[in-house]
N, C-alpha and C. Protein backbone atom coordinates (compact mmCIF):
# COMPACT_ATOMS: atom_id res chain seq x y z
N MET A 1 137.43 106.89 75.12
CA MET A 1 138.15 107.77 76.00
C MET A 1 138.20 109.15 75.34
N ALA A 2 137.79 110.20 76.06
CA ALA A 2 137.80 111.57 75.54
C ALA A 2 139.11 112.24 75.94
N VAL A 3 139.75 112.83 74.96
CA VAL A 3 141.01 113.54 75.18
C VAL A 3 140.89 114.89 74.50
N GLU A 4 141.23 115.94 75.22
CA GLU A 4 141.22 117.27 74.62
C GLU A 4 142.64 117.61 74.19
N ALA A 5 142.78 118.03 72.95
CA ALA A 5 144.10 118.38 72.42
C ALA A 5 143.95 119.48 71.38
N ILE A 6 145.00 120.25 71.22
CA ILE A 6 145.01 121.34 70.26
C ILE A 6 145.88 120.95 69.08
N PHE A 7 145.32 121.12 67.87
CA PHE A 7 146.03 120.77 66.66
C PHE A 7 146.18 121.99 65.76
N ARG A 8 147.16 121.92 64.90
CA ARG A 8 147.41 122.97 63.91
C ARG A 8 147.28 122.32 62.54
N ARG A 9 146.58 123.00 61.62
CA ARG A 9 146.45 122.47 60.27
C ARG A 9 147.70 122.84 59.49
N THR A 10 148.31 121.86 58.87
CA THR A 10 149.48 122.08 58.03
C THR A 10 149.21 121.42 56.67
N LEU A 11 150.16 121.53 55.77
CA LEU A 11 150.00 120.89 54.47
C LEU A 11 149.94 119.37 54.61
N ARG A 12 150.51 118.83 55.67
CA ARG A 12 150.49 117.38 55.92
C ARG A 12 149.22 116.92 56.63
N GLY A 13 148.41 117.84 57.08
CA GLY A 13 147.19 117.49 57.82
C GLY A 13 147.21 118.14 59.20
N LEU A 14 146.54 117.52 60.15
CA LEU A 14 146.51 118.05 61.51
C LEU A 14 147.72 117.54 62.28
N GLU A 15 148.39 118.47 62.96
CA GLU A 15 149.56 118.12 63.77
C GLU A 15 149.38 118.71 65.16
N PRO A 16 149.95 118.07 66.19
CA PRO A 16 149.82 118.61 67.55
C PRO A 16 150.41 120.02 67.62
N ALA A 17 149.70 120.91 68.31
CA ALA A 17 150.12 122.31 68.39
C ALA A 17 150.95 122.62 69.64
N ASN A 18 150.98 121.69 70.59
CA ASN A 18 151.77 121.92 71.80
C ASN A 18 152.17 120.57 72.41
N ASP A 19 152.96 120.62 73.47
CA ASP A 19 153.45 119.38 74.09
C ASP A 19 152.31 118.53 74.67
N ASP A 20 151.28 119.18 75.21
CA ASP A 20 150.14 118.43 75.75
C ASP A 20 149.45 117.62 74.65
N ALA A 21 149.34 118.20 73.47
CA ALA A 21 148.71 117.49 72.36
C ALA A 21 149.57 116.32 71.90
N VAL A 22 150.88 116.50 71.92
CA VAL A 22 151.79 115.39 71.57
C VAL A 22 151.58 114.23 72.53
N GLU A 23 151.50 114.53 73.81
CA GLU A 23 151.29 113.48 74.82
C GLU A 23 149.91 112.83 74.66
N ALA A 24 148.89 113.63 74.34
CA ALA A 24 147.55 113.09 74.16
C ALA A 24 147.52 112.10 73.00
N LEU A 25 148.23 112.41 71.94
CA LEU A 25 148.27 111.51 70.78
C LEU A 25 148.88 110.15 71.12
N LYS A 26 149.76 110.13 72.09
CA LYS A 26 150.40 108.86 72.47
C LYS A 26 149.41 107.89 73.10
N LEU A 27 148.25 108.39 73.53
CA LEU A 27 147.23 107.53 74.14
C LEU A 27 146.52 106.69 73.09
N TRP A 28 146.57 107.10 71.82
CA TRP A 28 145.87 106.39 70.76
C TRP A 28 146.83 105.47 70.01
N LYS A 29 146.35 104.29 69.67
CA LYS A 29 147.16 103.35 68.91
C LYS A 29 147.37 103.87 67.48
N LEU A 30 148.50 103.52 66.90
CA LEU A 30 148.73 103.86 65.50
C LEU A 30 147.66 103.21 64.65
N GLY A 31 147.12 103.94 63.72
CA GLY A 31 146.08 103.43 62.84
C GLY A 31 144.68 103.51 63.43
N ALA A 32 144.54 103.97 64.66
CA ALA A 32 143.22 104.09 65.29
C ALA A 32 142.40 105.15 64.57
N THR A 33 141.10 104.92 64.47
CA THR A 33 140.19 105.91 63.91
C THR A 33 139.68 106.76 65.07
N ILE A 34 139.87 108.05 64.95
CA ILE A 34 139.50 108.98 66.02
C ILE A 34 138.37 109.88 65.50
N ARG A 35 137.33 109.99 66.29
CA ARG A 35 136.22 110.86 65.93
C ARG A 35 136.27 112.09 66.83
N GLY A 36 136.00 113.27 66.28
CA GLY A 36 136.05 114.46 67.11
C GLY A 36 135.28 115.62 66.50
N VAL A 37 135.08 116.62 67.32
CA VAL A 37 134.50 117.88 66.89
C VAL A 37 135.60 118.92 67.01
N PHE A 38 135.87 119.63 65.94
CA PHE A 38 136.98 120.57 65.94
C PHE A 38 136.48 122.00 65.90
N LYS A 39 137.09 122.84 66.70
CA LYS A 39 136.78 124.27 66.75
C LYS A 39 138.06 125.04 66.52
N VAL A 40 137.95 126.15 65.82
CA VAL A 40 139.11 127.00 65.63
C VAL A 40 139.37 127.69 66.96
N ALA A 41 140.60 127.64 67.44
CA ALA A 41 140.95 128.24 68.73
C ALA A 41 140.93 129.77 68.64
N ARG A 42 140.72 130.37 69.77
CA ARG A 42 140.76 131.83 69.87
C ARG A 42 142.13 132.32 69.44
N SER A 43 142.15 133.41 68.70
CA SER A 43 143.40 134.02 68.27
C SER A 43 144.15 134.55 69.50
N GLN A 44 145.32 134.01 69.75
CA GLN A 44 146.11 134.47 70.89
C GLN A 44 146.51 135.93 70.71
N GLU A 45 146.77 136.33 69.47
CA GLU A 45 147.12 137.74 69.21
C GLU A 45 145.97 138.65 69.60
N ARG A 46 144.74 138.26 69.24
CA ARG A 46 143.58 139.11 69.56
C ARG A 46 143.33 139.12 71.06
N LEU A 47 143.52 137.98 71.73
CA LEU A 47 143.35 137.93 73.17
C LEU A 47 144.40 138.82 73.86
N ASN A 48 145.63 138.78 73.37
CA ASN A 48 146.67 139.68 73.90
C ASN A 48 146.27 141.13 73.68
N TRP A 49 145.70 141.40 72.49
CA TRP A 49 145.22 142.75 72.19
C TRP A 49 144.18 143.17 73.22
N TRP A 50 143.23 142.31 73.53
CA TRP A 50 142.17 142.63 74.51
C TRP A 50 142.78 143.01 75.86
N TRP A 51 143.69 142.18 76.35
CA TRP A 51 144.25 142.45 77.67
C TRP A 51 145.15 143.68 77.67
N LYS A 52 145.81 143.99 76.58
CA LYS A 52 146.60 145.22 76.50
C LYS A 52 145.67 146.42 76.49
N LEU A 53 144.54 146.32 75.80
CA LEU A 53 143.54 147.39 75.81
C LEU A 53 143.08 147.65 77.24
N CYS A 54 142.75 146.59 77.96
CA CYS A 54 142.29 146.74 79.35
C CYS A 54 143.39 147.31 80.24
N GLU A 55 144.62 146.91 79.99
CA GLU A 55 145.75 147.45 80.76
C GLU A 55 145.94 148.94 80.48
N LEU A 56 145.78 149.35 79.23
CA LEU A 56 145.89 150.78 78.88
C LEU A 56 144.80 151.60 79.59
N ILE A 57 143.60 151.05 79.67
CA ILE A 57 142.51 151.74 80.37
C ILE A 57 142.87 151.91 81.84
N ALA A 58 143.31 150.84 82.48
CA ALA A 58 143.66 150.90 83.91
C ALA A 58 144.83 151.85 84.16
N ASP A 59 145.83 151.83 83.28
CA ASP A 59 147.01 152.68 83.46
C ASP A 59 146.73 154.16 83.21
N ASN A 60 145.66 154.47 82.48
CA ASN A 60 145.40 155.85 82.10
C ASN A 60 144.12 156.42 82.71
N SER A 61 143.69 155.83 83.81
CA SER A 61 142.48 156.30 84.48
C SER A 61 142.54 155.94 85.96
N ASP A 62 141.94 156.79 86.77
CA ASP A 62 141.83 156.48 88.20
C ASP A 62 140.57 155.67 88.50
N THR A 63 139.71 155.51 87.52
CA THR A 63 138.44 154.81 87.71
C THR A 63 138.62 153.31 87.81
N TRP A 64 139.51 152.74 87.00
CA TRP A 64 139.70 151.30 86.95
C TRP A 64 141.08 150.95 87.47
N PRO A 65 141.15 150.36 88.67
CA PRO A 65 142.45 150.09 89.30
C PRO A 65 143.24 148.95 88.66
N THR A 66 142.54 148.03 87.98
CA THR A 66 143.22 146.88 87.40
C THR A 66 142.69 146.63 85.99
N LYS A 67 143.46 145.86 85.22
CA LYS A 67 142.98 145.52 83.88
C LYS A 67 141.74 144.63 83.96
N GLU A 68 141.62 143.83 85.00
CA GLU A 68 140.44 142.99 85.17
C GLU A 68 139.19 143.84 85.42
N ALA A 69 139.34 144.90 86.24
CA ALA A 69 138.22 145.81 86.49
C ALA A 69 137.82 146.54 85.21
N ALA A 70 138.82 146.95 84.44
CA ALA A 70 138.54 147.61 83.16
C ALA A 70 137.82 146.65 82.21
N SER A 71 138.26 145.40 82.19
CA SER A 71 137.63 144.39 81.33
C SER A 71 136.16 144.21 81.72
N ASP A 72 135.89 144.09 83.01
CA ASP A 72 134.51 143.92 83.47
C ASP A 72 133.65 145.12 83.08
N SER A 73 134.14 146.33 83.29
CA SER A 73 133.38 147.53 82.96
C SER A 73 133.16 147.65 81.46
N LEU A 74 134.17 147.31 80.71
CA LEU A 74 134.07 147.37 79.26
C LEU A 74 133.03 146.38 78.74
N LYS A 75 133.06 145.16 79.26
CA LYS A 75 132.08 144.15 78.85
C LYS A 75 130.66 144.62 79.19
N MET A 76 130.48 145.16 80.39
CA MET A 76 129.16 145.64 80.79
C MET A 76 128.71 146.77 79.87
N GLY A 77 129.63 147.68 79.57
CA GLY A 77 129.30 148.84 78.74
C GLY A 77 128.85 148.50 77.34
N ILE A 78 129.35 147.41 76.80
CA ILE A 78 128.95 147.07 75.43
C ILE A 78 127.98 145.88 75.38
N GLY A 79 127.41 145.57 76.53
CA GLY A 79 126.30 144.62 76.55
C GLY A 79 126.64 143.17 76.78
N ILE A 80 127.85 142.88 77.26
CA ILE A 80 128.19 141.49 77.58
C ILE A 80 128.02 141.33 79.09
N PHE A 81 126.82 140.96 79.49
CA PHE A 81 126.54 140.79 80.92
C PHE A 81 125.46 139.73 81.11
N GLU A 82 125.40 139.22 82.33
CA GLU A 82 124.38 138.27 82.72
C GLU A 82 123.44 138.96 83.70
N VAL A 83 122.17 138.67 83.58
CA VAL A 83 121.16 139.26 84.46
C VAL A 83 120.74 138.21 85.48
N PHE A 84 120.64 138.64 86.73
CA PHE A 84 120.15 137.75 87.78
C PHE A 84 119.28 138.55 88.75
N ILE A 85 118.46 137.85 89.50
CA ILE A 85 117.55 138.47 90.47
C ILE A 85 118.06 138.16 91.87
N GLU A 86 118.10 139.19 92.72
CA GLU A 86 118.62 139.02 94.07
C GLU A 86 117.80 139.88 95.03
N LYS A 87 117.65 139.38 96.25
CA LYS A 87 116.96 140.17 97.28
C LYS A 87 117.91 141.24 97.79
N ASN A 88 117.38 142.46 97.93
CA ASN A 88 118.20 143.53 98.49
C ASN A 88 118.05 143.55 100.01
N GLU A 89 118.70 144.52 100.66
CA GLU A 89 118.69 144.58 102.12
C GLU A 89 117.31 144.87 102.70
N ARG A 90 116.39 145.41 101.90
CA ARG A 90 115.02 145.66 102.37
C ARG A 90 114.10 144.47 102.13
N GLY A 91 114.65 143.39 101.56
CA GLY A 91 113.86 142.19 101.31
C GLY A 91 113.14 142.18 99.98
N ASN A 92 113.38 143.20 99.15
CA ASN A 92 112.75 143.26 97.83
C ASN A 92 113.65 142.59 96.79
N TRP A 93 113.01 141.97 95.81
CA TRP A 93 113.77 141.35 94.72
C TRP A 93 114.12 142.43 93.70
N GLU A 94 115.35 142.40 93.24
CA GLU A 94 115.74 143.36 92.21
C GLU A 94 116.66 142.71 91.18
N GLU A 95 116.57 143.26 89.99
CA GLU A 95 117.40 142.76 88.90
C GLU A 95 118.80 143.36 89.01
N LYS A 96 119.79 142.50 88.86
CA LYS A 96 121.18 142.94 88.89
C LYS A 96 121.90 142.37 87.68
N ARG A 97 123.04 142.94 87.39
CA ARG A 97 123.85 142.48 86.27
C ARG A 97 125.28 142.25 86.72
N LYS A 98 125.92 141.27 86.07
CA LYS A 98 127.33 141.04 86.31
C LYS A 98 127.99 140.82 84.94
N PRO A 99 129.28 141.11 84.83
CA PRO A 99 129.95 140.95 83.54
C PRO A 99 129.83 139.52 83.03
N GLY A 100 129.60 139.39 81.75
CA GLY A 100 129.51 138.08 81.13
C GLY A 100 130.88 137.58 80.70
N SER A 101 130.89 136.41 80.14
CA SER A 101 132.14 135.79 79.71
C SER A 101 132.40 136.05 78.23
N ILE A 102 133.66 136.27 77.91
CA ILE A 102 134.07 136.37 76.52
C ILE A 102 134.95 135.18 76.15
N ALA A 103 134.96 134.17 77.00
CA ALA A 103 135.75 132.98 76.73
C ALA A 103 135.27 132.33 75.43
N PHE A 104 136.17 131.65 74.78
CA PHE A 104 135.85 131.02 73.49
C PHE A 104 134.67 130.08 73.59
N ASN A 105 134.52 129.39 74.72
CA ASN A 105 133.41 128.46 74.87
C ASN A 105 132.18 129.12 75.49
N ALA A 106 132.21 130.46 75.66
CA ALA A 106 131.04 131.16 76.16
C ALA A 106 129.95 131.15 75.09
N LYS A 107 128.77 131.58 75.47
CA LYS A 107 127.63 131.58 74.56
C LYS A 107 127.99 132.18 73.21
N ASP A 108 128.15 131.36 72.23
CA ASP A 108 128.34 131.80 70.85
C ASP A 108 129.47 132.81 70.65
N MET A 109 130.48 132.86 71.52
CA MET A 109 131.57 133.82 71.34
C MET A 109 132.65 133.18 70.46
N THR A 110 132.28 133.02 69.20
CA THR A 110 133.22 132.46 68.23
C THR A 110 134.34 133.47 67.97
N GLU A 111 135.34 133.07 67.26
CA GLU A 111 136.45 133.98 66.93
C GLU A 111 135.95 135.16 66.11
N ASP A 112 135.04 134.94 65.16
CA ASP A 112 134.50 136.04 64.37
C ASP A 112 133.74 137.03 65.25
N LYS A 113 132.95 136.51 66.19
CA LYS A 113 132.21 137.40 67.09
C LYS A 113 133.15 138.10 68.05
N PHE A 114 134.22 137.44 68.45
CA PHE A 114 135.20 138.08 69.33
C PHE A 114 135.91 139.22 68.60
N ARG A 115 136.18 139.04 67.32
CA ARG A 115 136.80 140.09 66.52
C ARG A 115 135.88 141.31 66.47
N ALA A 116 134.60 141.09 66.17
CA ALA A 116 133.62 142.18 66.13
C ALA A 116 133.49 142.84 67.51
N PHE A 117 133.51 142.02 68.55
CA PHE A 117 133.45 142.52 69.92
C PHE A 117 134.63 143.45 70.21
N CYS A 118 135.83 143.07 69.76
CA CYS A 118 137.02 143.89 69.99
C CYS A 118 136.92 145.24 69.29
N ILE A 119 136.38 145.25 68.09
CA ILE A 119 136.20 146.51 67.36
C ILE A 119 135.21 147.40 68.09
N LYS A 120 134.11 146.81 68.54
CA LYS A 120 133.10 147.55 69.31
C LYS A 120 133.71 148.08 70.61
N ALA A 121 134.52 147.27 71.26
CA ALA A 121 135.16 147.67 72.51
C ALA A 121 136.10 148.85 72.29
N GLN A 122 136.87 148.81 71.22
CA GLN A 122 137.80 149.91 70.93
C GLN A 122 137.03 151.22 70.76
N ASN A 123 135.92 151.17 70.03
CA ASN A 123 135.11 152.38 69.84
C ASN A 123 134.50 152.85 71.14
N TYR A 124 134.04 151.92 71.97
CA TYR A 124 133.44 152.27 73.26
C TYR A 124 134.46 152.92 74.19
N VAL A 125 135.67 152.39 74.20
CA VAL A 125 136.73 152.96 75.05
C VAL A 125 136.91 154.44 74.71
N CYS A 126 136.93 154.76 73.43
CA CYS A 126 137.19 156.13 73.01
C CYS A 126 136.01 157.07 73.24
N THR A 127 134.80 156.54 73.24
CA THR A 127 133.65 157.40 73.44
C THR A 127 133.22 157.49 74.90
N ASP A 128 133.50 156.45 75.71
CA ASP A 128 132.95 156.42 77.06
C ASP A 128 133.94 156.18 78.19
N MET A 129 135.18 155.83 77.88
CA MET A 129 136.09 155.48 78.96
C MET A 129 137.34 156.35 79.02
N LEU A 130 137.97 156.58 77.90
CA LEU A 130 139.20 157.38 77.86
C LEU A 130 139.06 158.49 76.82
N PRO A 131 139.65 159.63 77.09
CA PRO A 131 139.59 160.70 76.09
C PRO A 131 140.64 160.46 74.99
N CYS A 132 140.26 159.71 73.98
CA CYS A 132 141.19 159.43 72.89
C CYS A 132 140.41 159.18 71.61
N GLU A 133 141.12 159.24 70.51
CA GLU A 133 140.54 158.93 69.21
C GLU A 133 140.74 157.44 68.93
N SER A 134 139.77 156.84 68.29
CA SER A 134 139.83 155.41 68.00
C SER A 134 141.07 155.04 67.19
N GLU A 135 141.41 155.83 66.21
CA GLU A 135 142.58 155.52 65.38
C GLU A 135 143.88 155.66 66.18
N ASP A 136 143.94 156.62 67.10
CA ASP A 136 145.12 156.76 67.95
C ASP A 136 145.28 155.55 68.86
N LEU A 137 144.18 155.12 69.43
CA LEU A 137 144.20 153.93 70.30
C LEU A 137 144.62 152.71 69.49
N ALA A 138 144.06 152.56 68.30
CA ALA A 138 144.41 151.43 67.45
C ALA A 138 145.90 151.45 67.11
N ARG A 139 146.44 152.62 66.83
CA ARG A 139 147.85 152.74 66.49
C ARG A 139 148.74 152.35 67.67
N VAL A 140 148.40 152.81 68.87
CA VAL A 140 149.19 152.47 70.07
C VAL A 140 149.18 150.96 70.30
N LEU A 141 148.00 150.37 70.23
CA LEU A 141 147.90 148.92 70.43
C LEU A 141 148.64 148.16 69.34
N GLU A 142 148.52 148.63 68.12
CA GLU A 142 149.18 147.98 66.99
C GLU A 142 150.70 148.05 67.13
N GLU A 143 151.21 149.21 67.50
CA GLU A 143 152.65 149.38 67.66
C GLU A 143 153.19 148.51 68.79
N TYR A 144 152.41 148.38 69.86
CA TYR A 144 152.86 147.60 70.99
C TYR A 144 152.83 146.09 70.71
N LEU A 145 151.72 145.63 70.14
CA LEU A 145 151.52 144.19 69.97
C LEU A 145 151.96 143.65 68.62
N ASN A 146 151.96 144.48 67.61
CA ASN A 146 152.26 144.01 66.26
C ASN A 146 153.24 144.95 65.57
N PRO A 147 154.47 144.90 65.97
CA PRO A 147 155.44 145.82 65.39
C PRO A 147 155.60 145.68 63.88
N ASN A 148 155.14 144.56 63.32
CA ASN A 148 155.22 144.39 61.88
C ASN A 148 154.10 145.11 61.14
N GLY A 149 153.20 145.76 61.89
CA GLY A 149 152.18 146.60 61.28
C GLY A 149 150.88 145.91 60.92
N ARG A 150 150.71 144.66 61.25
CA ARG A 150 149.47 143.94 60.91
C ARG A 150 148.47 144.13 62.04
N ARG A 151 147.34 144.76 61.74
CA ARG A 151 146.32 145.03 62.74
C ARG A 151 145.58 143.75 63.13
N VAL A 152 145.36 143.57 64.42
CA VAL A 152 144.71 142.36 64.94
C VAL A 152 143.20 142.53 64.94
N ALA A 153 142.70 143.64 65.38
CA ALA A 153 141.24 143.82 65.55
C ALA A 153 140.52 144.20 64.30
């Protein structure tokens, strides 16, 4: 039986990280040997950072009405897109692009690659989307999301 659950590594070993994981563990008998493949989960802090960045873009520009639209444009701008072929209204085939996925289970978008992606995105925002300096943008995001001063990206 396959069960998906999230665990946290502690000094005692792996422990359930949320209520769903606690319930999932109840499905296994005590002493059962469990085999699995473990992946480090996406940093929730960095994901929050991403969506705050997209929200700042939408709030400070008339070009992107929503944070989702800003996210799509940002992904396209830094090369995260899928290519597909579609017939146009004249019946000709043409290459088109749509925003790709940055989900943790997307093509090789590990946490390390997501971190690098976020740094690239921050630089792209300042050069191509909003008139701001990269360090100023980093400071605003840091102050909003990490009041203790620890930078996420």
